[in-house]
N, C-alpha and C. Protein backbone atom coordinates (compact mmCIF):
# COMPACT_ATOMS: atom_id res chain seq x y z
N MET A 1 0.84 -1.18 0.00
CA MET A 1 0.00 0.00 0.00
C MET A 1 0.88 1.24 0.00
N LYS A 2 0.38 2.32 -0.64
CA LYS A 2 1.10 3.58 -0.63
C LYS A 2 0.26 4.63 0.09
N LEU A 3 0.92 5.62 0.62
CA LEU A 3 0.24 6.68 1.34
C LEU A 3 0.73 8.00 0.79
N SER A 4 -0.12 8.98 0.68
CA SER A 4 0.26 10.26 0.09
C SER A 4 1.33 10.97 0.88
N CYS A 5 1.88 12.00 0.24
CA CYS A 5 3.08 12.69 0.72
C CYS A 5 2.92 13.40 2.05
N PHE A 6 1.74 13.81 2.43
CA PHE A 6 1.61 14.73 3.56
C PHE A 6 1.36 14.05 4.89
N ILE A 7 0.81 12.85 4.91
CA ILE A 7 0.30 12.25 6.15
C ILE A 7 1.37 12.11 7.22
N LEU A 8 2.62 11.89 6.84
CA LEU A 8 3.69 11.76 7.83
C LEU A 8 3.82 13.03 8.64
N LEU A 9 3.82 14.18 8.00
CA LEU A 9 3.97 15.43 8.71
C LEU A 9 2.83 15.64 9.68
N ALA A 10 1.62 15.28 9.29
CA ALA A 10 0.46 15.51 10.14
C ALA A 10 0.40 14.57 11.33
N THR A 11 0.94 13.37 11.21
CA THR A 11 0.75 12.40 12.29
C THR A 11 1.99 12.04 13.08
N SER A 12 3.16 12.32 12.56
CA SER A 12 4.34 11.83 13.27
C SER A 12 5.22 12.93 13.83
N LEU A 13 4.67 14.13 13.98
CA LEU A 13 5.49 15.22 14.50
C LEU A 13 6.00 14.92 15.90
N ALA A 14 5.24 14.18 16.68
CA ALA A 14 5.67 13.86 18.04
C ALA A 14 6.75 12.80 18.06
N VAL A 15 6.92 12.06 16.96
CA VAL A 15 7.88 10.96 16.92
C VAL A 15 9.27 11.43 16.50
N VAL A 16 9.32 12.40 15.59
CA VAL A 16 10.59 12.78 14.98
C VAL A 16 11.42 13.60 15.95
N SER A 17 12.67 13.26 16.08
CA SER A 17 13.59 14.05 16.89
C SER A 17 14.92 14.13 16.17
N CYS A 18 15.76 15.06 16.61
CA CYS A 18 17.06 15.20 15.95
C CYS A 18 17.91 13.97 16.21
N MET A 19 18.55 13.51 15.16
CA MET A 19 19.40 12.33 15.24
C MET A 19 20.73 12.67 14.57
N SER A 20 21.73 11.84 14.79
CA SER A 20 23.02 12.11 14.16
C SER A 20 22.91 11.87 12.66
N LEU A 21 23.79 12.52 11.89
CA LEU A 21 23.72 12.43 10.44
C LEU A 21 24.36 11.16 9.89
N GLY A 22 25.09 10.42 10.67
CA GLY A 22 25.71 9.19 10.18
C GLY A 22 26.90 9.49 9.29
N SER A 23 27.36 8.48 8.57
CA SER A 23 28.58 8.65 7.80
C SER A 23 28.35 8.70 6.30
N ALA A 24 27.09 8.74 5.84
CA ALA A 24 26.82 8.76 4.40
C ALA A 24 27.31 10.06 3.78
N GLU A 25 27.57 10.02 2.48
CA GLU A 25 28.05 11.19 1.76
C GLU A 25 26.86 12.03 1.28
N TYR A 26 26.75 13.26 1.75
CA TYR A 26 25.70 14.17 1.32
C TYR A 26 26.34 15.51 0.99
N SER A 27 25.74 16.21 0.03
CA SER A 27 26.25 17.53 -0.33
C SER A 27 25.92 18.51 0.79
N GLU A 28 26.59 19.63 0.78
CA GLU A 28 26.33 20.67 1.78
C GLU A 28 24.88 21.13 1.70
N GLU A 29 24.35 21.26 0.48
CA GLU A 29 22.97 21.69 0.30
C GLU A 29 21.99 20.66 0.85
N GLU A 30 22.26 19.36 0.64
CA GLU A 30 21.37 18.31 1.16
C GLU A 30 21.38 18.31 2.68
N LEU A 31 22.55 18.47 3.29
CA LEU A 31 22.63 18.51 4.75
C LEU A 31 21.91 19.73 5.31
N LEU A 32 22.05 20.87 4.64
CA LEU A 32 21.36 22.08 5.05
C LEU A 32 19.85 21.88 4.96
N ALA A 33 19.39 21.28 3.87
CA ALA A 33 17.96 21.03 3.70
C ALA A 33 17.44 20.09 4.79
N LEU A 34 18.18 19.04 5.09
CA LEU A 34 17.77 18.10 6.13
C LEU A 34 17.73 18.78 7.49
N ASN A 35 18.74 19.57 7.81
CA ASN A 35 18.79 20.27 9.08
C ASN A 35 17.60 21.22 9.21
N ASP A 36 17.29 21.97 8.15
CA ASP A 36 16.17 22.89 8.20
C ASP A 36 14.84 22.16 8.31
N PHE A 37 14.72 21.02 7.62
CA PHE A 37 13.49 20.23 7.71
C PHE A 37 13.30 19.73 9.14
N ARG A 38 14.36 19.26 9.77
CA ARG A 38 14.26 18.79 11.16
C ARG A 38 13.84 19.92 12.09
N LYS A 39 14.38 21.12 11.87
CA LYS A 39 13.99 22.26 12.70
C LYS A 39 12.50 22.54 12.55
N LEU A 40 12.00 22.49 11.31
CA LEU A 40 10.59 22.75 11.08
C LEU A 40 9.72 21.68 11.73
N VAL A 41 10.09 20.42 11.60
CA VAL A 41 9.32 19.32 12.21
C VAL A 41 9.32 19.46 13.73
N ASP A 42 10.47 19.75 14.33
CA ASP A 42 10.53 19.94 15.78
C ASP A 42 9.66 21.11 16.21
N PHE A 43 9.72 22.21 15.46
CA PHE A 43 8.94 23.40 15.79
C PHE A 43 7.44 23.09 15.73
N LEU A 44 6.99 22.45 14.64
CA LEU A 44 5.58 22.13 14.50
C LEU A 44 5.14 21.09 15.53
N GLY A 45 6.01 20.14 15.84
CA GLY A 45 5.70 19.14 16.86
C GLY A 45 5.49 19.79 18.22
N ASP A 46 6.36 20.74 18.58
CA ASP A 46 6.19 21.46 19.84
C ASP A 46 4.89 22.26 19.84
N ALA A 47 4.58 22.90 18.70
CA ALA A 47 3.36 23.69 18.61
C ALA A 47 2.12 22.80 18.78
N LEU A 48 2.11 21.62 18.18
CA LEU A 48 0.97 20.71 18.31
C LEU A 48 0.80 20.21 19.74
N GLN A 49 1.90 20.08 20.47
CA GLN A 49 1.83 19.60 21.84
C GLN A 49 1.75 20.74 22.85
N ALA A 50 1.57 21.96 22.35
CA ALA A 50 1.43 23.16 23.19
C ALA A 50 2.66 23.41 24.04
N ASN A 51 3.83 23.01 23.57
CA ASN A 51 5.08 23.34 24.25
C ASN A 51 5.52 24.72 23.80
N SER A 52 6.26 25.40 24.65
CA SER A 52 6.78 26.70 24.24
C SER A 52 7.87 26.48 23.20
N THR A 53 7.95 27.39 22.25
CA THR A 53 8.94 27.27 21.19
C THR A 53 9.68 28.58 21.02
N ASP A 54 10.88 28.47 20.52
CA ASP A 54 11.65 29.65 20.18
C ASP A 54 11.36 30.04 18.74
N THR A 55 11.88 31.18 18.35
CA THR A 55 11.76 31.59 16.97
C THR A 55 12.47 30.58 16.09
N LEU A 56 11.87 30.28 14.97
CA LEU A 56 12.43 29.31 14.03
C LEU A 56 13.21 30.04 12.96
N PHE A 57 14.50 29.78 12.87
CA PHE A 57 15.34 30.38 11.84
C PHE A 57 16.09 29.29 11.11
N PHE A 58 16.36 29.56 9.84
CA PHE A 58 17.14 28.66 9.02
C PHE A 58 18.36 29.41 8.53
N GLU A 59 19.39 28.68 8.14
CA GLU A 59 20.58 29.34 7.63
C GLU A 59 20.95 28.79 6.27
N THR A 60 21.61 29.60 5.50
CA THR A 60 22.15 29.15 4.22
C THR A 60 23.45 29.89 3.98
N SER A 61 24.37 29.22 3.35
CA SER A 61 25.62 29.89 2.99
C SER A 61 25.62 30.10 1.49
N LYS A 62 26.41 31.04 1.02
CA LYS A 62 26.47 31.35 -0.40
C LYS A 62 27.54 30.50 -1.06
N GLY A 63 27.26 29.23 -1.21
CA GLY A 63 28.22 28.34 -1.86
C GLY A 63 28.97 27.51 -0.85
N LEU A 64 29.93 26.77 -1.34
CA LEU A 64 30.68 25.84 -0.49
C LEU A 64 31.82 26.52 0.25
N ASP A 65 32.15 27.75 -0.11
CA ASP A 65 33.25 28.46 0.53
C ASP A 65 32.81 28.93 1.91
N SER A 66 33.40 28.36 2.96
CA SER A 66 32.98 28.69 4.33
C SER A 66 33.34 30.12 4.73
N SER A 67 34.17 30.80 3.94
CA SER A 67 34.52 32.18 4.27
C SER A 67 33.42 33.15 3.86
N GLN A 68 32.47 32.69 3.04
CA GLN A 68 31.39 33.56 2.62
C GLN A 68 30.36 33.67 3.74
N PRO A 69 29.66 34.79 3.81
CA PRO A 69 28.74 35.02 4.93
C PRO A 69 27.55 34.07 4.93
N THR A 70 27.02 33.84 6.12
CA THR A 70 25.83 33.03 6.30
C THR A 70 24.64 33.96 6.44
N ARG A 71 23.54 33.62 5.80
CA ARG A 71 22.33 34.43 5.85
C ARG A 71 21.28 33.68 6.67
N TRP A 72 20.64 34.36 7.59
CA TRP A 72 19.57 33.76 8.40
C TRP A 72 18.24 34.29 7.89
N TYR A 73 17.25 33.43 7.82
CA TYR A 73 15.94 33.86 7.37
C TYR A 73 14.87 33.04 8.06
N SER A 74 13.66 33.55 8.05
CA SER A 74 12.55 32.81 8.64
C SER A 74 11.70 32.20 7.53
N VAL A 75 10.72 31.38 7.92
CA VAL A 75 9.87 30.72 6.94
C VAL A 75 9.05 31.77 6.20
N ASN A 76 9.04 31.71 4.87
CA ASN A 76 8.34 32.71 4.08
C ASN A 76 6.98 32.26 3.56
N LYS A 77 6.89 31.08 2.98
CA LYS A 77 5.64 30.64 2.38
C LYS A 77 5.55 29.13 2.40
N PHE A 78 4.36 28.62 2.71
CA PHE A 78 4.10 27.19 2.70
C PHE A 78 3.35 26.84 1.42
N SER A 79 3.73 25.74 0.81
CA SER A 79 2.96 25.24 -0.33
C SER A 79 2.87 23.73 -0.22
N PHE A 80 1.75 23.19 -0.69
CA PHE A 80 1.52 21.75 -0.65
C PHE A 80 1.14 21.28 -2.04
N ASN A 81 1.68 20.13 -2.43
CA ASN A 81 1.32 19.52 -3.70
C ASN A 81 1.23 18.02 -3.48
N ASN A 82 0.09 17.44 -3.79
CA ASN A 82 -0.05 15.99 -3.71
C ASN A 82 0.62 15.42 -4.94
N CYS A 83 1.77 14.80 -4.76
CA CYS A 83 2.59 14.36 -5.89
C CYS A 83 2.14 13.04 -6.48
N ALA A 84 1.14 12.40 -5.92
CA ALA A 84 0.67 11.11 -6.43
C ALA A 84 -0.63 11.30 -7.21
N SER A 85 -0.96 10.33 -8.01
CA SER A 85 -2.22 10.34 -8.75
C SER A 85 -3.34 9.91 -7.80
N PRO A 86 -4.34 10.76 -7.56
CA PRO A 86 -5.40 10.43 -6.61
C PRO A 86 -6.16 9.14 -6.96
N GLU A 87 -6.26 8.80 -8.24
CA GLU A 87 -7.00 7.60 -8.64
C GLU A 87 -6.35 6.33 -8.09
N GLY A 88 -5.03 6.28 -8.03
CA GLY A 88 -4.33 5.09 -7.59
C GLY A 88 -3.99 5.05 -6.12
N GLU A 89 -4.34 6.08 -5.39
CA GLU A 89 -3.97 6.17 -3.98
C GLU A 89 -5.11 5.71 -3.08
N GLN A 90 -4.74 5.07 -1.99
CA GLN A 90 -5.72 4.67 -0.99
C GLN A 90 -6.05 5.83 -0.07
N VAL A 91 -5.07 6.70 0.16
CA VAL A 91 -5.26 7.91 0.96
C VAL A 91 -4.92 9.10 0.08
N VAL A 92 -5.82 10.06 0.01
CA VAL A 92 -5.60 11.25 -0.80
C VAL A 92 -5.68 12.47 0.11
N VAL A 93 -4.61 13.24 0.14
CA VAL A 93 -4.63 14.51 0.85
C VAL A 93 -5.18 15.53 -0.13
N ASN A 94 -6.37 16.04 0.16
CA ASN A 94 -7.04 16.96 -0.76
C ASN A 94 -6.49 18.37 -0.65
N SER A 95 -6.16 18.77 0.56
CA SER A 95 -5.62 20.12 0.76
C SER A 95 -4.83 20.14 2.06
N ALA A 96 -3.91 21.08 2.14
CA ALA A 96 -3.13 21.29 3.36
C ALA A 96 -2.68 22.74 3.39
N SER A 97 -2.71 23.34 4.57
CA SER A 97 -2.27 24.72 4.69
C SER A 97 -1.71 24.99 6.08
N LEU A 98 -0.87 26.00 6.15
CA LEU A 98 -0.34 26.51 7.41
C LEU A 98 -0.80 27.95 7.53
N LYS A 99 -1.22 28.35 8.71
CA LYS A 99 -1.62 29.74 8.95
C LYS A 99 -0.87 30.23 10.18
N PRO A 100 -0.47 31.46 10.22
CA PRO A 100 -0.55 32.44 9.14
C PRO A 100 0.42 32.10 8.02
N ASP A 101 0.16 32.61 6.83
CA ASP A 101 1.03 32.38 5.68
C ASP A 101 1.30 33.73 5.03
N PRO A 102 2.50 34.23 5.10
CA PRO A 102 3.69 33.54 5.61
C PRO A 102 3.66 33.43 7.13
N LEU A 103 4.37 32.42 7.64
CA LEU A 103 4.43 32.18 9.08
C LEU A 103 5.03 33.38 9.80
N LYS A 104 4.48 33.68 10.97
CA LYS A 104 5.04 34.71 11.84
C LYS A 104 5.57 34.00 13.07
N LEU A 105 6.87 33.98 13.20
CA LEU A 105 7.51 33.22 14.27
C LEU A 105 8.26 34.15 15.20
N PRO A 106 8.19 33.98 16.52
CA PRO A 106 7.37 32.99 17.21
C PRO A 106 5.90 33.35 17.09
N GLY A 107 5.06 32.39 17.33
CA GLY A 107 3.63 32.61 17.27
C GLY A 107 2.88 31.31 17.11
N LYS A 108 1.57 31.42 17.07
CA LYS A 108 0.71 30.25 16.93
C LYS A 108 0.72 29.77 15.48
N VAL A 109 0.85 28.46 15.29
CA VAL A 109 0.82 27.86 13.96
C VAL A 109 -0.40 26.96 13.89
N THR A 110 -1.19 27.13 12.85
CA THR A 110 -2.36 26.30 12.64
C THR A 110 -2.18 25.51 11.35
N VAL A 111 -2.29 24.18 11.46
CA VAL A 111 -2.21 23.28 10.31
C VAL A 111 -3.63 22.83 10.01
N SER A 112 -4.07 22.98 8.77
CA SER A 112 -5.41 22.52 8.43
C SER A 112 -5.40 21.85 7.06
N GLY A 113 -6.44 21.09 6.81
CA GLY A 113 -6.52 20.42 5.53
C GLY A 113 -7.62 19.38 5.53
N SER A 114 -7.70 18.67 4.43
CA SER A 114 -8.67 17.59 4.32
C SER A 114 -8.03 16.42 3.60
N MET A 115 -8.53 15.22 3.92
CA MET A 115 -8.01 14.03 3.28
C MET A 115 -9.13 13.01 3.17
N THR A 116 -8.94 12.07 2.27
CA THR A 116 -9.89 11.00 2.07
C THR A 116 -9.16 9.67 2.21
N ILE A 117 -9.65 8.81 3.11
CA ILE A 117 -9.16 7.43 3.20
C ILE A 117 -10.22 6.60 2.49
N LYS A 118 -9.87 6.06 1.31
CA LYS A 118 -10.86 5.41 0.45
C LYS A 118 -11.37 4.08 1.00
N LYS A 119 -10.51 3.32 1.66
CA LYS A 119 -10.95 2.06 2.26
C LYS A 119 -10.09 1.81 3.49
N PRO A 120 -10.61 1.04 4.46
CA PRO A 120 -9.84 0.80 5.69
C PRO A 120 -8.50 0.13 5.38
N PHE A 121 -7.52 0.45 6.18
CA PHE A 121 -6.22 -0.21 6.02
C PHE A 121 -5.50 -0.26 7.35
N GLY A 122 -4.58 -1.19 7.44
CA GLY A 122 -3.77 -1.36 8.65
C GLY A 122 -2.37 -1.77 8.27
N THR A 123 -1.77 -2.53 9.14
CA THR A 123 -0.38 -2.91 8.95
C THR A 123 -0.27 -4.09 8.00
N PRO A 124 0.77 -4.26 7.21
CA PRO A 124 1.85 -3.30 7.00
C PRO A 124 1.40 -2.19 6.05
N LEU A 125 1.86 -0.99 6.30
CA LEU A 125 1.51 0.18 5.51
C LEU A 125 2.79 0.81 4.97
N LYS A 126 3.09 0.53 3.71
CA LYS A 126 4.30 1.08 3.09
C LYS A 126 4.02 2.52 2.68
N MET A 127 4.96 3.41 2.97
CA MET A 127 4.80 4.81 2.65
C MET A 127 6.10 5.36 2.08
N LYS A 128 5.97 6.12 0.99
CA LYS A 128 7.12 6.81 0.42
C LYS A 128 6.87 8.30 0.56
N LEU A 129 7.81 9.00 1.19
CA LEU A 129 7.70 10.43 1.43
C LEU A 129 8.82 11.13 0.69
N SER A 130 8.48 12.10 -0.15
CA SER A 130 9.48 12.90 -0.85
C SER A 130 9.32 14.34 -0.42
N ILE A 131 10.41 14.92 0.07
CA ILE A 131 10.39 16.30 0.56
C ILE A 131 11.45 17.07 -0.21
N TYR A 132 11.05 18.21 -0.75
CA TYR A 132 11.98 19.06 -1.49
C TYR A 132 12.08 20.40 -0.80
N TYR A 133 13.23 21.00 -0.88
CA TYR A 133 13.56 22.24 -0.21
C TYR A 133 14.16 23.18 -1.25
N LYS A 134 13.68 24.41 -1.30
CA LYS A 134 14.21 25.37 -2.26
C LYS A 134 15.21 26.28 -1.57
N THR A 135 16.44 26.25 -2.04
CA THR A 135 17.48 27.11 -1.50
C THR A 135 18.28 27.69 -2.65
N LEU A 136 18.54 28.97 -2.59
CA LEU A 136 19.28 29.68 -3.63
C LEU A 136 18.66 29.43 -5.01
N GLY A 137 17.32 29.31 -5.06
CA GLY A 137 16.60 29.14 -6.31
C GLY A 137 16.61 27.74 -6.88
N ILE A 138 17.16 26.76 -6.15
CA ILE A 138 17.27 25.39 -6.64
C ILE A 138 16.49 24.46 -5.71
N TRP A 139 15.69 23.56 -6.29
CA TRP A 139 14.98 22.56 -5.50
C TRP A 139 15.91 21.40 -5.22
N ILE A 140 16.06 21.07 -3.95
CA ILE A 140 16.93 19.97 -3.52
C ILE A 140 16.08 18.98 -2.74
N LYS A 141 16.23 17.70 -3.07
CA LYS A 141 15.50 16.67 -2.35
C LYS A 141 16.17 16.46 -0.99
N VAL A 142 15.39 16.56 0.08
CA VAL A 142 15.91 16.32 1.42
C VAL A 142 16.25 14.83 1.51
N PRO A 143 17.50 14.48 1.84
CA PRO A 143 17.87 13.06 1.89
C PRO A 143 17.23 12.35 3.08
N CYS A 144 17.20 11.04 3.00
CA CYS A 144 16.72 10.22 4.12
C CYS A 144 17.92 9.88 5.00
N VAL A 145 17.93 10.40 6.22
CA VAL A 145 19.01 10.13 7.16
C VAL A 145 18.38 9.70 8.48
N ASP A 146 18.72 8.51 8.92
CA ASP A 146 18.19 7.98 10.19
C ASP A 146 16.67 8.02 10.24
N GLY A 147 16.01 7.74 9.12
CA GLY A 147 14.55 7.68 9.09
C GLY A 147 13.85 9.02 9.04
N VAL A 148 14.59 10.11 8.77
CA VAL A 148 14.01 11.45 8.69
C VAL A 148 14.33 12.01 7.31
N GLY A 149 13.35 12.61 6.66
CA GLY A 149 13.56 13.21 5.34
C GLY A 149 12.78 12.47 4.28
N SER A 150 13.31 12.43 3.06
CA SER A 150 12.66 11.74 1.94
C SER A 150 12.96 10.25 2.04
N CYS A 151 12.09 9.53 2.71
CA CYS A 151 12.34 8.12 3.03
C CYS A 151 11.20 7.24 2.55
N THR A 152 11.49 5.96 2.43
CA THR A 152 10.46 4.94 2.22
C THR A 152 10.37 4.14 3.50
N TYR A 153 9.17 4.07 4.05
CA TYR A 153 8.94 3.37 5.30
C TYR A 153 8.23 2.06 5.00
N SER A 154 8.79 0.94 5.44
CA SER A 154 8.20 -0.36 5.14
C SER A 154 6.89 -0.58 5.89
N ASP A 155 6.74 0.01 7.08
CA ASP A 155 5.49 -0.10 7.82
C ASP A 155 5.29 1.15 8.68
N PHE A 156 4.52 2.09 8.15
CA PHE A 156 4.25 3.35 8.84
C PHE A 156 3.52 3.11 10.15
N CYS A 157 2.72 2.04 10.21
CA CYS A 157 1.99 1.73 11.45
C CYS A 157 2.94 1.46 12.61
N GLN A 158 4.08 0.82 12.34
CA GLN A 158 5.07 0.59 13.40
C GLN A 158 5.59 1.91 13.95
N MET A 159 5.77 2.91 13.07
CA MET A 159 6.21 4.23 13.54
C MET A 159 5.14 4.85 14.43
N LEU A 160 3.89 4.75 14.02
CA LEU A 160 2.81 5.32 14.83
C LEU A 160 2.70 4.65 16.19
N ASN A 161 2.97 3.35 16.25
CA ASN A 161 2.89 2.63 17.52
C ASN A 161 3.91 3.12 18.54
N LYS A 162 4.94 3.85 18.10
CA LYS A 162 5.95 4.38 19.02
C LYS A 162 5.45 5.63 19.75
N ILE A 163 4.37 6.22 19.28
CA ILE A 163 3.82 7.41 19.93
C ILE A 163 3.12 6.96 21.20
N LYS A 164 3.63 7.41 22.34
CA LYS A 164 3.05 7.01 23.63
C LYS A 164 1.72 7.70 23.89
N LYS A 165 1.65 8.99 23.59
CA LYS A 165 0.41 9.73 23.80
C LYS A 165 0.16 10.58 22.55
N CYS A 166 -0.98 10.37 21.95
CA CYS A 166 -1.33 11.12 20.75
C CYS A 166 -1.50 12.60 21.14
N PRO A 167 -0.89 13.53 20.38
CA PRO A 167 -1.02 14.95 20.71
C PRO A 167 -2.49 15.37 20.80
N PRO A 168 -2.85 16.18 21.81
CA PRO A 168 -4.24 16.57 22.01
C PRO A 168 -4.89 17.20 20.79
N ALA A 169 -4.14 17.97 20.02
CA ALA A 169 -4.71 18.61 18.84
C ALA A 169 -5.17 17.59 17.81
N ILE A 170 -4.50 16.45 17.73
CA ILE A 170 -4.88 15.41 16.77
C ILE A 170 -6.14 14.69 17.25
N THR A 171 -6.20 14.31 18.54
CA THR A 171 -7.39 13.62 19.05
C THR A 171 -8.60 14.55 19.05
N LYS A 172 -8.38 15.84 19.32
CA LYS A 172 -9.47 16.81 19.31
C LYS A 172 -10.10 16.91 17.92
N ALA A 173 -9.28 16.70 16.89
CA ALA A 173 -9.77 16.75 15.51
C ALA A 173 -10.46 15.44 15.11
N GLY A 174 -10.54 14.47 16.04
CA GLY A 174 -11.20 13.21 15.74
C GLY A 174 -10.30 12.20 15.05
N LEU A 175 -9.00 12.46 15.06
CA LEU A 175 -8.04 11.55 14.44
C LEU A 175 -7.38 10.71 15.52
N LYS A 176 -6.66 9.69 15.13
CA LYS A 176 -5.93 8.87 16.09
C LYS A 176 -4.53 8.62 15.57
N CYS A 177 -3.68 8.15 16.46
CA CYS A 177 -2.27 7.93 16.13
C CYS A 177 -1.94 6.44 16.03
N LYS A 178 -2.91 5.61 15.77
CA LYS A 178 -2.70 4.15 15.70
C LYS A 178 -3.41 3.57 14.49
N CYS A 179 -2.88 2.49 13.99
CA CYS A 179 -3.54 1.72 12.92
C CYS A 179 -4.46 0.71 13.59
N PRO A 180 -5.50 0.23 12.96
CA PRO A 180 -5.91 0.47 11.58
C PRO A 180 -6.69 1.78 11.45
N PHE A 181 -6.77 2.29 10.21
CA PHE A 181 -7.52 3.50 9.91
C PHE A 181 -8.78 3.12 9.15
N PRO A 182 -9.95 3.62 9.57
CA PRO A 182 -11.18 3.32 8.84
C PRO A 182 -11.30 4.19 7.59
N ALA A 183 -12.18 3.79 6.67
CA ALA A 183 -12.48 4.64 5.51
C ALA A 183 -13.19 5.88 6.02
N VAL A 184 -12.74 7.05 5.59
CA VAL A 184 -13.31 8.30 6.10
C VAL A 184 -12.92 9.45 5.19
N ARG A 185 -13.73 10.49 5.20
CA ARG A 185 -13.35 11.74 4.54
C ARG A 185 -13.29 12.80 5.62
N GLN A 186 -12.10 13.30 5.88
CA GLN A 186 -11.90 14.36 6.86
C GLN A 186 -11.94 15.69 6.13
N ASN A 187 -12.87 16.54 6.48
CA ASN A 187 -12.98 17.85 5.85
C ASN A 187 -12.56 18.94 6.81
N ASN A 188 -11.71 19.81 6.34
CA ASN A 188 -11.33 21.01 7.08
C ASN A 188 -10.91 20.73 8.52
N THR A 189 -10.08 19.72 8.72
CA THR A 189 -9.54 19.42 10.03
C THR A 189 -8.47 20.45 10.35
N THR A 190 -8.52 21.02 11.55
CA THR A 190 -7.57 22.05 11.94
C THR A 190 -6.85 21.64 13.21
N LEU A 191 -5.53 21.74 13.20
CA LEU A 191 -4.70 21.46 14.36
C LEU A 191 -3.94 22.72 14.71
N SER A 192 -4.11 23.22 15.94
CA SER A 192 -3.40 24.43 16.35
C SER A 192 -2.40 24.11 17.42
C-alpha cells in the first residue's frame, strides 16, 4: 500500500527528533535542507503539543566556501502539492495549509486540511515520502538520514505505535495515532 506525501507530517510530528547524520556522503545543500526540515518538524511538533517554542530560523551559505557570509531567514511561504495520482492512492490529501502564511515566528501555527481514506487499512503500511527544499533558487530533495527526510517506510503503522500519547490537537480533531484506519473523509480538520 502507498500513502500520500503529507500524512507523515500531520501524524508523526511527536515521533521525529534530531538524530546524528551518520557517515553517508551528502552535499552541503542536502545537509542544510535536512537540518532545516528537522527544525521545522521539531517546531511544529512542539506547537501541536502546546510546548513553548523559540523563533524558528534557518541558515544558508552562499556556496561551499565557508569564508562567505551566512544568511539567516525565517519561513516565508508554505505550499503543498499531492505528488501522487489520486485515482491510484488509498489515501488522498485533498488540501493542506499553514496559517498564518507567511508564518510569523514565534507565534501560533495552525495546520489545516482535508483528506480521504478510500478504504480501511492497517499494517503493513508502506509509505514513500518525498520532501523538497528550495534554497538559492534550486529545488533539492531532502535526503533520508536515520529515518528522517525523503524516506520509504516499510510499515508506517510501526512508527505510529511508538507514539506514547497522541497529541491533544490530533485527538481533538477526531483523528488517532494508531492503525488500523477506517475509511473516512476528513474535511477542514484544523490542528493548532
